[in-house]
Amino acid sequence: MTNLIAPLSSDQIEKLTIEAIHEHRAALARAEAAYESWQTAEAAEADTAVDLLANYTRLMLAAHAQQLVLATLIDRLGFIPRVLPS
């Protein structure tokens, strides 16, 4: 991934980093909502609990992958840009 962003300017990297921060925040929000749904179904012993756990797991894997992208961009940029809440 480092080779992909190597030719980019600092301004381009900063823009990508800010976008990645927004994407990561959204990914975490989706995973948190999935976790709450799973926990509610689990507590109610609902038949959907297994499917909801699988969905939560998928979303957490995606959030972790997004975190790796974000960490690479921040490392290349050299700082964490200021990003306002969405």
N, C-alpha and C. Protein backbone atom coordinates (compact mmCIF):
# COMPACT_ATOMS: atom_id res chain seq x y z
N MET A 1 0.83 -1.18 0.00
CA MET A 1 0.00 0.00 0.00
C MET A 1 0.88 1.25 0.00
N THR A 2 2.01 1.17 0.64
CA THR A 2 2.90 2.32 0.69
C THR A 2 3.31 2.75 -0.71
N ASN A 3 3.52 1.77 -1.60
CA ASN A 3 3.90 2.08 -2.98
C ASN A 3 2.78 2.81 -3.71
N LEU A 4 1.54 2.53 -3.37
CA LEU A 4 0.41 3.20 -4.01
C LEU A 4 0.37 4.69 -3.70
N ILE A 5 0.70 5.03 -2.47
CA ILE A 5 0.58 6.43 -2.07
C ILE A 5 1.90 7.19 -2.18
N ALA A 6 2.99 6.49 -2.47
CA ALA A 6 4.31 7.13 -2.54
C ALA A 6 4.36 8.32 -3.50
N PRO A 7 3.76 8.23 -4.69
CA PRO A 7 3.88 9.37 -5.61
C PRO A 7 2.95 10.54 -5.30
N LEU A 8 2.10 10.42 -4.32
CA LEU A 8 1.12 11.47 -4.02
C LEU A 8 1.75 12.61 -3.23
N SER A 9 1.22 13.80 -3.42
CA SER A 9 1.68 14.97 -2.67
C SER A 9 1.13 14.92 -1.25
N SER A 10 1.70 15.76 -0.39
CA SER A 10 1.21 15.83 0.99
C SER A 10 -0.25 16.26 1.04
N ASP A 11 -0.64 17.18 0.16
CA ASP A 11 -2.04 17.62 0.13
C ASP A 11 -2.97 16.47 -0.27
N GLN A 12 -2.55 15.67 -1.23
CA GLN A 12 -3.35 14.52 -1.64
C GLN A 12 -3.45 13.50 -0.52
N ILE A 13 -2.33 13.26 0.16
CA ILE A 13 -2.32 12.31 1.28
C ILE A 13 -3.22 12.82 2.40
N GLU A 14 -3.16 14.12 2.68
CA GLU A 14 -4.01 14.67 3.75
C GLU A 14 -5.48 14.51 3.40
N LYS A 15 -5.84 14.77 2.15
CA LYS A 15 -7.23 14.61 1.73
C LYS A 15 -7.67 13.15 1.88
N LEU A 16 -6.83 12.22 1.44
CA LEU A 16 -7.15 10.79 1.59
C LEU A 16 -7.26 10.40 3.06
N THR A 17 -6.40 10.96 3.89
CA THR A 17 -6.41 10.65 5.33
C THR A 17 -7.71 11.13 5.97
N ILE A 18 -8.12 12.33 5.64
CA ILE A 18 -9.38 12.86 6.19
C ILE A 18 -10.55 12.00 5.74
N GLU A 19 -10.57 11.61 4.47
CA GLU A 19 -11.62 10.71 3.98
C GLU A 19 -11.59 9.38 4.73
N ALA A 20 -10.39 8.86 4.96
CA ALA A 20 -10.25 7.58 5.66
C ALA A 20 -10.72 7.69 7.11
N ILE A 21 -10.47 8.83 7.74
CA ILE A 21 -10.96 9.04 9.11
C ILE A 21 -12.48 9.00 9.14
N HIS A 22 -13.11 9.69 8.19
CA HIS A 22 -14.57 9.66 8.12
C HIS A 22 -15.08 8.24 7.87
N GLU A 23 -14.43 7.54 6.95
CA GLU A 23 -14.83 6.15 6.65
C GLU A 23 -14.66 5.26 7.87
N HIS A 24 -13.56 5.47 8.61
CA HIS A 24 -13.32 4.64 9.79
C HIS A 24 -14.35 4.91 10.88
N ARG A 25 -14.69 6.16 11.07
CA ARG A 25 -15.73 6.50 12.05
C ARG A 25 -17.06 5.84 11.68
N ALA A 26 -17.39 5.88 10.40
CA ALA A 26 -18.64 5.27 9.93
C ALA A 26 -18.59 3.75 10.10
N ALA A 27 -17.44 3.15 9.82
CA ALA A 27 -17.29 1.70 9.97
C ALA A 27 -17.46 1.29 11.42
N LEU A 28 -16.89 2.06 12.33
CA LEU A 28 -17.05 1.75 13.75
C LEU A 28 -18.49 1.92 14.21
N ALA A 29 -19.17 2.93 13.70
CA ALA A 29 -20.58 3.14 14.06
C ALA A 29 -21.44 1.97 13.58
N ARG A 30 -21.17 1.49 12.35
CA ARG A 30 -21.92 0.33 11.84
C ARG A 30 -21.65 -0.91 12.68
N ALA A 31 -20.39 -1.11 13.05
CA ALA A 31 -20.04 -2.28 13.87
C ALA A 31 -20.68 -2.19 15.26
N GLU A 32 -20.70 -1.00 15.82
CA GLU A 32 -21.32 -0.82 17.14
C GLU A 32 -22.81 -1.11 17.09
N ALA A 33 -23.47 -0.64 16.04
CA ALA A 33 -24.91 -0.90 15.89
C ALA A 33 -25.16 -2.40 15.71
N ALA A 34 -24.30 -3.06 14.95
CA ALA A 34 -24.43 -4.50 14.74
C ALA A 34 -24.22 -5.25 16.05
N TYR A 35 -23.27 -4.78 16.86
CA TYR A 35 -23.02 -5.40 18.15
C TYR A 35 -24.25 -5.29 19.05
N GLU A 36 -24.84 -4.11 19.09
CA GLU A 36 -26.04 -3.91 19.91
C GLU A 36 -27.18 -4.81 19.45
N SER A 37 -27.35 -4.93 18.14
CA SER A 37 -28.40 -5.82 17.60
C SER A 37 -28.15 -7.25 17.99
N TRP A 38 -26.90 -7.67 17.87
CA TRP A 38 -26.54 -9.04 18.22
C TRP A 38 -26.79 -9.30 19.71
N GLN A 39 -26.36 -8.37 20.56
CA GLN A 39 -26.53 -8.55 22.00
C GLN A 39 -28.00 -8.61 22.39
N THR A 40 -28.82 -7.78 21.76
CA THR A 40 -30.25 -7.80 22.02
C THR A 40 -30.86 -9.13 21.61
N ALA A 41 -30.49 -9.62 20.45
CA ALA A 41 -31.00 -10.91 19.97
C ALA A 41 -30.51 -12.06 20.83
N GLU A 42 -29.26 -11.98 21.26
CA GLU A 42 -28.67 -13.01 22.12
C GLU A 42 -29.42 -13.07 23.45
N ALA A 43 -29.68 -11.91 24.03
CA ALA A 43 -30.39 -11.86 25.31
C ALA A 43 -31.80 -12.40 25.19
N ALA A 44 -32.42 -12.20 24.03
CA ALA A 44 -33.79 -12.68 23.80
C ALA A 44 -33.81 -14.10 23.26
N GLU A 45 -32.61 -14.67 23.12
CA GLU A 45 -32.47 -16.03 22.56
C GLU A 45 -33.16 -16.15 21.20
N ALA A 46 -33.03 -15.09 20.41
CA ALA A 46 -33.65 -15.06 19.09
C ALA A 46 -32.88 -15.93 18.10
N ASP A 47 -33.61 -16.47 17.14
CA ASP A 47 -32.99 -17.31 16.11
C ASP A 47 -32.01 -16.52 15.24
N THR A 48 -32.17 -15.22 15.21
CA THR A 48 -31.32 -14.39 14.36
C THR A 48 -29.96 -14.08 14.98
N ALA A 49 -29.74 -14.48 16.22
CA ALA A 49 -28.50 -14.13 16.92
C ALA A 49 -27.27 -14.61 16.17
N VAL A 50 -27.31 -15.80 15.62
CA VAL A 50 -26.15 -16.34 14.90
C VAL A 50 -25.83 -15.48 13.68
N ASP A 51 -26.85 -15.11 12.92
CA ASP A 51 -26.66 -14.27 11.74
C ASP A 51 -26.17 -12.87 12.14
N LEU A 52 -26.69 -12.36 13.24
CA LEU A 52 -26.27 -11.03 13.69
C LEU A 52 -24.83 -11.04 14.18
N LEU A 53 -24.41 -12.14 14.80
CA LEU A 53 -23.01 -12.28 15.21
C LEU A 53 -22.11 -12.31 13.98
N ALA A 54 -22.52 -13.02 12.95
CA ALA A 54 -21.74 -13.08 11.71
C ALA A 54 -21.63 -11.69 11.09
N ASN A 55 -22.72 -10.94 11.10
CA ASN A 55 -22.71 -9.58 10.56
C ASN A 55 -21.78 -8.68 11.36
N TYR A 56 -21.86 -8.77 12.68
CA TYR A 56 -20.98 -7.98 13.55
C TYR A 56 -19.52 -8.33 13.27
N THR A 57 -19.23 -9.60 13.16
CA THR A 57 -17.85 -10.04 12.89
C THR A 57 -17.36 -9.47 11.57
N ARG A 58 -18.19 -9.54 10.54
CA ARG A 58 -17.83 -9.01 9.22
C ARG A 58 -17.54 -7.52 9.30
N LEU A 59 -18.39 -6.79 10.00
CA LEU A 59 -18.21 -5.35 10.13
C LEU A 59 -16.96 -4.99 10.94
N MET A 60 -16.65 -5.77 11.96
CA MET A 60 -15.44 -5.52 12.73
C MET A 60 -14.19 -5.81 11.90
N LEU A 61 -14.22 -6.85 11.09
CA LEU A 61 -13.09 -7.13 10.21
C LEU A 61 -12.88 -5.97 9.23
N ALA A 62 -13.96 -5.44 8.70
CA ALA A 62 -13.87 -4.30 7.78
C ALA A 62 -13.32 -3.07 8.51
N ALA A 63 -13.75 -2.85 9.74
CA ALA A 63 -13.26 -1.71 10.52
C ALA A 63 -11.76 -1.85 10.80
N HIS A 64 -11.33 -3.06 11.09
CA HIS A 64 -9.90 -3.29 11.34
C HIS A 64 -9.09 -3.07 10.07
N ALA A 65 -9.60 -3.52 8.94
CA ALA A 65 -8.92 -3.30 7.67
C ALA A 65 -8.82 -1.80 7.38
N GLN A 66 -9.90 -1.08 7.63
CA GLN A 66 -9.90 0.37 7.43
C GLN A 66 -8.89 1.04 8.36
N GLN A 67 -8.75 0.52 9.56
CA GLN A 67 -7.77 1.07 10.52
C GLN A 67 -6.35 0.92 9.99
N LEU A 68 -6.06 -0.20 9.33
CA LEU A 68 -4.73 -0.40 8.75
C LEU A 68 -4.46 0.62 7.64
N VAL A 69 -5.46 0.86 6.81
CA VAL A 69 -5.33 1.87 5.75
C VAL A 69 -5.08 3.24 6.39
N LEU A 70 -5.88 3.57 7.37
CA LEU A 70 -5.76 4.86 8.05
C LEU A 70 -4.39 5.03 8.69
N ALA A 71 -3.91 3.99 9.36
CA ALA A 71 -2.59 4.06 10.01
C ALA A 71 -1.49 4.29 8.99
N THR A 72 -1.59 3.65 7.84
CA THR A 72 -0.60 3.83 6.78
C THR A 72 -0.61 5.27 6.27
N LEU A 73 -1.79 5.81 6.06
CA LEU A 73 -1.91 7.19 5.58
C LEU A 73 -1.37 8.19 6.60
N ILE A 74 -1.72 8.00 7.86
CA ILE A 74 -1.24 8.89 8.91
C ILE A 74 0.28 8.81 9.02
N ASP A 75 0.82 7.60 8.93
CA ASP A 75 2.26 7.43 9.00
C ASP A 75 2.95 8.17 7.86
N ARG A 76 2.41 8.06 6.66
CA ARG A 76 2.99 8.73 5.50
C ARG A 76 2.83 10.24 5.60
N LEU A 77 1.68 10.69 6.10
CA LEU A 77 1.42 12.13 6.24
C LEU A 77 2.30 12.73 7.32
N GLY A 78 2.52 12.01 8.40
CA GLY A 78 3.38 12.49 9.47
C GLY A 78 2.64 13.17 10.61
N PHE A 79 1.33 13.28 10.48
CA PHE A 79 0.52 13.87 11.55
C PHE A 79 -0.93 13.46 11.35
N ILE A 80 -1.71 13.64 12.41
CA ILE A 80 -3.14 13.36 12.32
C ILE A 80 -3.83 14.68 12.02
N PRO A 81 -4.48 14.77 10.86
CA PRO A 81 -5.14 16.03 10.53
C PRO A 81 -6.37 16.27 11.42
N ARG A 82 -6.66 17.52 11.60
CA ARG A 82 -7.86 17.88 12.37
C ARG A 82 -9.08 17.57 11.51
N VAL A 83 -9.99 16.81 12.08
CA VAL A 83 -11.20 16.42 11.36
C VAL A 83 -12.39 16.70 12.27
N LEU A 84 -13.30 17.49 11.76
CA LEU A 84 -14.50 17.80 12.53
C LEU A 84 -15.44 16.60 12.53
N PRO A 85 -16.26 16.47 13.55
CA PRO A 85 -17.24 15.38 13.56
C PRO A 85 -18.15 15.44 12.34
N SER A 86 -18.55 14.29 11.89
CA SER A 86 -19.42 14.23 10.70
C SER A 86 -20.82 14.63 11.05
